[in-house]
Structures are given as C-alpha cells and as structure tokens.
Amino acid sequence: MEKSRISVRPFKLSDAEDFLTWASDDQVTQYLRWNTIYTIEEALKYIQEVAIPHPWRRSICLDDRSIGYISIKPESGSDRHRAHVGYAISSEYWGQGIVTVALKIAISSAFKAFPFLVRLEALVEEENKGSQRVLEKVGFLKEGFLRKYGYNKGKIRDMIIYSFLVTDNIWLPEDSDQDS
C-alpha cells in the first residue's frame, strides 16, 4: 500500500455513503462503543452530531475516500495531559498497514493540536489481536491487563491498556522486522 494514498482528515457530510459502507459492518463495529449504523440518515446524523463536533475525530481515507476513523479525546481538568485513542477501518482493508500509517499521522497531529498532552492511552479488548498488533507496530507499550474492565455490547470484558508518551519515538516501517 502506497503511504501517499493514505490520509487523515476531518469528516465531511459528503462522507456519509463511504462511512455507511464500513460503519454498517458488524465485524468493524464489534469492538466499538457505538452500534452498527444501518441507514444513510443514521450515518449523516453520526457525522454531524458526533464526528464533526468531536475534539479530534478524523476520517481515515484512501484516495480521499473514508474507509475508517481515528479519534483522540483528551481528558479534562487536571487529567488533560492524557487522551484516549480509538480507531476502526473497513474490514476489506484489514491487515494492509493502513491503520498503522493513519495512527502515526494522528499521533503527530494530536501532540501538535494539544500541546498539553503527554500521554495517549488505548484500551483494547483481549481478543482484538489485530488492534494490539497495530498499537505495538506504532510503538505503544503494553502496560497491563485489566480484568473485567470494559463494558461493551452487553458484556463486561477484559481489556489491555497501551500507552504512548510524547517523548516516545514513532516506529517507522524500516524499524520493524520485515521477516515477521
């Protein structure tokens, strides 16, 4: 996958059809806190009421078409040095390194947009191995296993917490082991 084809940009209402393509896939939304979206009206409402007003929620794009999202949400008050990271991508693009590239772009942008940020955190369900690989490739460190920590889709789930600090280096593809 050519990195130049991948971008991260604010959502637009004109993304609704592309958004619906991946947000209507139960495989994509199974680990997300929000439910699968089934209609163009729901897609427009989500983009207008959730994605656009969010402090930092961006569309992951391939050739400027929305194929996923990434969000970074800073805490408030005395915890504003910390932010939560979340993302999802269309299942047809899983395993192609797109989220890894998008997350690197997002990290760089977020630390510039929120100069008070020191720490990014990601909570990942234990069984979501793909997301764990993405975080590790980018340079997030696994900090711990949180038993029965998160509630999602009607179940209390075990979670793994990852972090990335402003002082950490983003791993570039040439830093990774090409044989694995």
C-alpha atoms as a PDB file:
ATOM      1  CA  MET A   1       0.000   0.000   0.000  1.00  0.00           C
ATOM      2  CA  GLU A   2       1.427   3.376  -1.006  1.00  0.00           C
ATOM      3  CA  LYS A   3       1.556   5.679   2.012  1.00  0.00           C
ATOM      4  CA  SER A   4       0.806   8.682  -0.208  1.00  0.00           C
ATOM      5  CA  ARG A   5      -2.711   7.294  -0.829  1.00  0.00           C
ATOM      6  CA  ILE A   6      -3.498   7.315   2.909  1.00  0.00           C
ATOM      7  CA  SER A   7      -4.648  10.487   4.653  1.00  0.00           C
ATOM      8  CA  VAL A   8      -6.331  11.551   7.866  1.00  0.00           C
ATOM      9  CA  ARG A   9      -8.729  14.497   7.658  1.00  0.00           C
ATOM     10  CA  PRO A  10     -11.844  15.931   9.334  1.00  0.00           C
ATOM     11  CA  PHE A  11     -15.130  14.269   8.439  1.00  0.00           C
ATOM     12  CA  LYS A  12     -17.476  15.942   5.943  1.00  0.00           C
ATOM     13  CA  LEU A  13     -21.180  15.303   5.426  1.00  0.00           C
ATOM     14  CA  SER A  14     -20.279  14.144   1.912  1.00  0.00           C
ATOM     15  CA  ASP A  15     -18.512  11.153   3.534  1.00  0.00           C
ATOM     16  CA  ALA A  16     -21.869   9.645   4.561  1.00  0.00           C
ATOM     17  CA  GLU A  17     -22.082   6.946   1.865  1.00  0.00           C
ATOM     18  CA  ASP A  18     -18.462   5.839   2.316  1.00  0.00           C
ATOM     19  CA  PHE A  19     -18.912   5.972   6.108  1.00  0.00           C
ATOM     20  CA  LEU A  20     -22.028   3.802   5.870  1.00  0.00           C
ATOM     21  CA  THR A  21     -20.089   1.191   3.864  1.00  0.00           C
ATOM     22  CA  TRP A  22     -17.834   0.352   6.808  1.00  0.00           C
ATOM     23  CA  ALA A  23     -19.973   1.522   9.777  1.00  0.00           C
ATOM     24  CA  SER A  24     -22.740  -0.915   8.715  1.00  0.00           C
ATOM     25  CA  ASP A  25     -20.378  -3.911   9.070  1.00  0.00           C
ATOM     26  CA  ASP A  26     -20.827  -5.753  12.382  1.00  0.00           C
ATOM     27  CA  GLN A  27     -17.253  -7.062  12.087  1.00  0.00           C
ATOM     28  CA  VAL A  28     -15.961  -3.489  12.097  1.00  0.00           C
ATOM     29  CA  THR A  29     -18.155  -2.268  14.957  1.00  0.00           C
ATOM     30  CA  GLN A  30     -17.880  -5.314  17.237  1.00  0.00           C
ATOM     31  CA  TYR A  31     -15.211  -3.671  19.435  1.00  0.00           C
ATOM     32  CA  LEU A  32     -16.545  -0.115  19.177  1.00  0.00           C
ATOM     33  CA  ARG A  33     -18.613   1.564  21.883  1.00  0.00           C
ATOM     34  CA  TRP A  34     -21.127   2.737  19.290  1.00  0.00           C
ATOM     35  CA  ASN A  35     -23.565   0.479  17.485  1.00  0.00           C
ATOM     36  CA  THR A  36     -23.583  -0.550  13.856  1.00  0.00           C
ATOM     37  CA  ILE A  37     -25.145   2.115  11.621  1.00  0.00           C
ATOM     38  CA  TYR A  38     -27.598   0.851   9.025  1.00  0.00           C
ATOM     39  CA  THR A  39     -29.061   3.833   7.137  1.00  0.00           C
ATOM     40  CA  ILE A  40     -27.762   6.896   5.333  1.00  0.00           C
ATOM     41  CA  GLU A  41     -29.810   9.031   7.741  1.00  0.00           C
ATOM     42  CA  GLU A  42     -28.036   7.463  10.735  1.00  0.00           C
ATOM     43  CA  ALA A  43     -24.677   7.967   9.009  1.00  0.00           C
ATOM     44  CA  LEU A  44     -25.389  11.664   8.364  1.00  0.00           C
ATOM     45  CA  LYS A  45     -26.597  12.156  11.933  1.00  0.00           C
ATOM     46  CA  TYR A  46     -23.485  10.459  13.361  1.00  0.00           C
ATOM     47  CA  ILE A  47     -21.125  12.534  11.229  1.00  0.00           C
ATOM     48  CA  GLN A  48     -22.962  15.781  12.027  1.00  0.00           C
ATOM     49  CA  GLU A  49     -23.590  15.217  15.743  1.00  0.00           C
ATOM     50  CA  VAL A  50     -20.628  13.060  16.826  1.00  0.00           C
ATOM     51  CA  ALA A  51     -17.737  13.086  14.350  1.00  0.00           C
ATOM     52  CA  ILE A  52     -17.626  16.766  13.359  1.00  0.00           C
ATOM     53  CA  PRO A  53     -18.033  18.282  16.872  1.00  0.00           C
ATOM     54  CA  HIS A  54     -15.571  15.816  18.458  1.00  0.00           C
ATOM     55  CA  PRO A  55     -12.310  17.412  19.682  1.00  0.00           C
ATOM     56  CA  TRP A  56     -10.222  15.235  17.316  1.00  0.00           C
ATOM     57  CA  ARG A  57     -12.101  12.599  15.293  1.00  0.00           C
ATOM     58  CA  ARG A  58     -10.833  12.134  11.779  1.00  0.00           C
ATOM     59  CA  SER A  59     -11.664  10.066   8.757  1.00  0.00           C
ATOM     60  CA  ILE A  60      -9.017   7.585   7.655  1.00  0.00           C
ATOM     61  CA  CYS A  61      -9.036   7.981   3.891  1.00  0.00           C
ATOM     62  CA  LEU A  62      -7.669   6.037   0.961  1.00  0.00           C
ATOM     63  CA  ASP A  63      -7.518   8.283  -2.096  1.00  0.00           C
ATOM     64  CA  ASP A  64      -9.663  10.757  -0.070  1.00  0.00           C
ATOM     65  CA  ARG A  65     -12.481   8.179   0.434  1.00  0.00           C
ATOM     66  CA  SER A  66     -13.485   7.495   4.033  1.00  0.00           C
ATOM     67  CA  ILE A  67     -12.580   3.911   4.958  1.00  0.00           C
ATOM     68  CA  GLY A  68     -12.412   4.283   8.739  1.00  0.00           C
ATOM     69  CA  TYR A  69     -11.925   6.656  11.619  1.00  0.00           C
ATOM     70  CA  ILE A  70      -9.432   7.562  14.294  1.00  0.00           C
ATOM     71  CA  SER A  71     -10.112   9.639  17.372  1.00  0.00           C
ATOM     72  CA  ILE A  72      -8.059  11.185  20.117  1.00  0.00           C
ATOM     73  CA  LYS A  73     -10.044  12.540  23.031  1.00  0.00           C
ATOM     74  CA  PRO A  74      -8.190  14.450  25.755  1.00  0.00           C
ATOM     75  CA  GLU A  75      -9.403  14.195  29.321  1.00  0.00           C
ATOM     76  CA  SER A  76     -10.356  17.437  31.066  1.00  0.00           C
ATOM     77  CA  GLY A  77      -9.181  19.366  34.104  1.00  0.00           C
ATOM     78  CA  SER A  78      -6.140  18.013  35.907  1.00  0.00           C
ATOM     79  CA  ASP A  79      -6.200  14.903  33.656  1.00  0.00           C
ATOM     80  CA  ARG A  80      -5.948  16.849  30.389  1.00  0.00           C
ATOM     81  CA  HIS A  81      -2.376  15.601  29.915  1.00  0.00           C
ATOM     82  CA  ARG A  82      -3.953  12.256  28.956  1.00  0.00           C
ATOM     83  CA  ALA A  83      -6.024  11.301  25.898  1.00  0.00           C
ATOM     84  CA  HIS A  84      -7.826   8.179  24.730  1.00  0.00           C
ATOM     85  CA  VAL A  85      -7.218   6.762  21.260  1.00  0.00           C
ATOM     86  CA  GLY A  86      -9.762   4.798  19.245  1.00  0.00           C
ATOM     87  CA  TYR A  87      -9.976   3.664  15.634  1.00  0.00           C
ATOM     88  CA  ALA A  88     -11.645   1.325  13.170  1.00  0.00           C
ATOM     89  CA  ILE A  89     -11.266   0.553   9.495  1.00  0.00           C
ATOM     90  CA  SER A  90     -13.324  -1.202   6.839  1.00  0.00           C
ATOM     91  CA  SER A  91     -12.786  -4.966   7.044  1.00  0.00           C
ATOM     92  CA  GLU A  92     -11.759  -5.049   3.372  1.00  0.00           C
ATOM     93  CA  TYR A  93      -8.600  -3.104   4.353  1.00  0.00           C
ATOM     94  CA  TRP A  94      -7.622  -5.139   7.424  1.00  0.00           C
ATOM     95  CA  GLY A  95      -4.019  -6.288   7.539  1.00  0.00           C
ATOM     96  CA  GLN A  96      -2.728  -3.810   4.929  1.00  0.00           C
ATOM     97  CA  GLY A  97      -0.918  -1.408   7.290  1.00  0.00           C
ATOM     98  CA  ILE A  98      -3.324   1.473   6.668  1.00  0.00           C
ATOM     99  CA  VAL A  99      -4.274   1.989  10.327  1.00  0.00           C
ATOM    100  CA  THR A 100      -0.603   1.871  11.304  1.00  0.00           C
ATOM    101  CA  VAL A 101       0.149   4.758   8.923  1.00  0.00           C
ATOM    102  CA  ALA A 102      -3.008   6.649   9.994  1.00  0.00           C
ATOM    103  CA  LEU A 103      -2.163   6.249  13.683  1.00  0.00           C
ATOM    104  CA  LYS A 104       1.344   7.648  13.127  1.00  0.00           C
ATOM    105  CA  ILE A 105      -0.183  10.673  11.375  1.00  0.00           C
ATOM    106  CA  ALA A 106      -2.743  11.062  14.182  1.00  0.00           C
ATOM    107  CA  ILE A 107      -0.147  10.893  16.965  1.00  0.00           C
ATOM    108  CA  SER A 108       1.954  13.591  15.359  1.00  0.00           C
ATOM    109  CA  SER A 109      -1.091  15.794  14.727  1.00  0.00           C
ATOM    110  CA  ALA A 110      -2.554  15.305  18.207  1.00  0.00           C
ATOM    111  CA  PHE A 111       0.603  16.283  20.063  1.00  0.00           C
ATOM    112  CA  LYS A 112       0.684  19.473  17.948  1.00  0.00           C
ATOM    113  CA  ALA A 113      -3.053  20.208  18.325  1.00  0.00           C
ATOM    114  CA  PHE A 114      -2.993  19.603  22.086  1.00  0.00           C
ATOM    115  CA  PRO A 115       0.387  20.864  23.353  1.00  0.00           C
ATOM    116  CA  PHE A 116      -0.564  19.959  26.950  1.00  0.00           C
ATOM    117  CA  LEU A 117      -0.807  16.243  26.028  1.00  0.00           C
ATOM    118  CA  VAL A 118       1.845  13.966  27.486  1.00  0.00           C
ATOM    119  CA  ARG A 119       0.205  10.541  27.229  1.00  0.00           C
ATOM    120  CA  LEU A 120      -2.035   8.690  24.786  1.00  0.00           C
ATOM    121  CA  GLU A 121      -3.889   5.616  26.029  1.00  0.00           C
ATOM    122  CA  ALA A 122      -5.625   2.831  24.153  1.00  0.00           C
ATOM    123  CA  LEU A 123      -7.830   0.187  25.739  1.00  0.00           C
ATOM    124  CA  VAL A 124      -8.154  -2.956  23.638  1.00  0.00           C
ATOM    125  CA  GLU A 125     -10.294  -5.992  24.274  1.00  0.00           C
ATOM    126  CA  GLU A 126      -8.179  -9.070  24.918  1.00  0.00           C
ATOM    127  CA  GLU A 127      -9.452 -10.909  21.844  1.00  0.00           C
ATOM    128  CA  ASN A 128      -8.817  -7.976  19.446  1.00  0.00           C
ATOM    129  CA  LYS A 129      -5.373  -9.174  18.318  1.00  0.00           C
ATOM    130  CA  GLY A 130      -5.323  -7.033  15.154  1.00  0.00           C
ATOM    131  CA  SER A 131      -5.666  -3.820  17.124  1.00  0.00           C
ATOM    132  CA  GLN A 132      -2.980  -4.934  19.562  1.00  0.00           C
ATOM    133  CA  ARG A 133      -0.582  -5.512  16.633  1.00  0.00           C
ATOM    134  CA  VAL A 134      -1.299  -2.025  15.240  1.00  0.00           C
ATOM    135  CA  LEU A 135      -0.511  -0.349  18.568  1.00  0.00           C
ATOM    136  CA  GLU A 136       2.683  -2.350  19.042  1.00  0.00           C
ATOM    137  CA  LYS A 137       3.893  -1.597  15.479  1.00  0.00           C
ATOM    138  CA  VAL A 138       3.465   2.129  16.094  1.00  0.00           C
ATOM    139  CA  GLY A 139       5.349   1.989  19.398  1.00  0.00           C
ATOM    140  CA  PHE A 140       2.649   1.887  22.050  1.00  0.00           C
ATOM    141  CA  LEU A 141       3.743  -0.048  25.130  1.00  0.00           C
ATOM    142  CA  LYS A 142       1.541  -2.689  26.708  1.00  0.00           C
ATOM    143  CA  GLU A 143       1.157  -1.642  30.353  1.00  0.00           C
ATOM    144  CA  GLY A 144      -1.237  -4.169  31.740  1.00  0.00           C
ATOM    145  CA  PHE A 145      -4.170  -6.499  31.673  1.00  0.00           C
ATOM    146  CA  LEU A 146      -7.372  -5.107  33.181  1.00  0.00           C
ATOM    147  CA  ARG A 147      -9.703  -7.880  34.302  1.00  0.00           C
ATOM    148  CA  LYS A 148     -13.416  -7.320  33.652  1.00  0.00           C
ATOM    149  CA  TYR A 149     -12.704  -3.647  32.971  1.00  0.00           C
ATOM    150  CA  GLY A 150     -14.769  -2.522  29.984  1.00  0.00           C
ATOM    151  CA  TYR A 151     -18.450  -2.860  29.191  1.00  0.00           C
ATOM    152  CA  ASN A 152     -19.266  -3.246  25.521  1.00  0.00           C
ATOM    153  CA  LYS A 153     -22.117  -4.768  23.550  1.00  0.00           C
ATOM    154  CA  GLY A 154     -23.798  -6.184  26.649  1.00  0.00           C
ATOM    155  CA  LYS A 155     -20.731  -7.829  28.220  1.00  0.00           C
ATOM    156  CA  ILE A 156     -18.094  -6.887  30.759  1.00  0.00           C
ATOM    157  CA  ARG A 157     -14.760  -7.583  29.080  1.00  0.00           C
ATOM    158  CA  ASP A 158     -11.096  -7.998  29.884  1.00  0.00           C
ATOM    159  CA  MET A 159      -9.006  -5.166  28.430  1.00  0.00           C
ATOM    160  CA  ILE A 160      -5.348  -4.493  27.726  1.00  0.00           C
ATOM    161  CA  ILE A 161      -4.059  -0.968  28.280  1.00  0.00           C
ATOM    162  CA  TYR A 162      -1.412   0.541  25.994  1.00  0.00           C
ATOM    163  CA  SER A 163       0.301   3.918  26.189  1.00  0.00           C
ATOM    164  CA  PHE A 164       2.372   6.233  24.033  1.00  0.00           C
ATOM    165  CA  LEU A 165       4.188   9.227  25.530  1.00  0.00           C
ATOM    166  CA  VAL A 166       5.100  12.477  23.810  1.00  0.00           C
ATOM    167  CA  THR A 167       8.753  11.506  24.430  1.00  0.00           C
ATOM    168  CA  ASP A 168       8.401   8.117  22.673  1.00  0.00           C
ATOM    169  CA  ASN A 169       9.568   7.628  19.111  1.00  0.00           C
ATOM    170  CA  ILE A 170       7.124   6.599  16.431  1.00  0.00           C
ATOM    171  CA  TRP A 171       8.460   3.472  14.791  1.00  0.00           C
ATOM    172  CA  LEU A 172       8.992   3.786  11.094  1.00  0.00           C
ATOM    173  CA  PRO A 173       8.450   0.765   8.822  1.00  0.00           C
ATOM    174  CA  GLU A 174      12.206   0.322   8.363  1.00  0.00           C
ATOM    175  CA  ASP A 175      12.482  -0.082  12.149  1.00  0.00           C
ATOM    176  CA  SER A 176      10.248  -3.126  12.108  1.00  0.00           C
ATOM    177  CA  ASP A 177      11.304  -6.683  11.467  1.00  0.00           C
ATOM    178  CA  GLN A 178      10.440  -7.336   7.823  1.00  0.00           C
ATOM    179  CA  ASP A 179      10.624 -11.108   8.291  1.00  0.00           C
ATOM    180  CA  SER A 180       7.695 -11.351  10.700  1.00  0.00           C
END
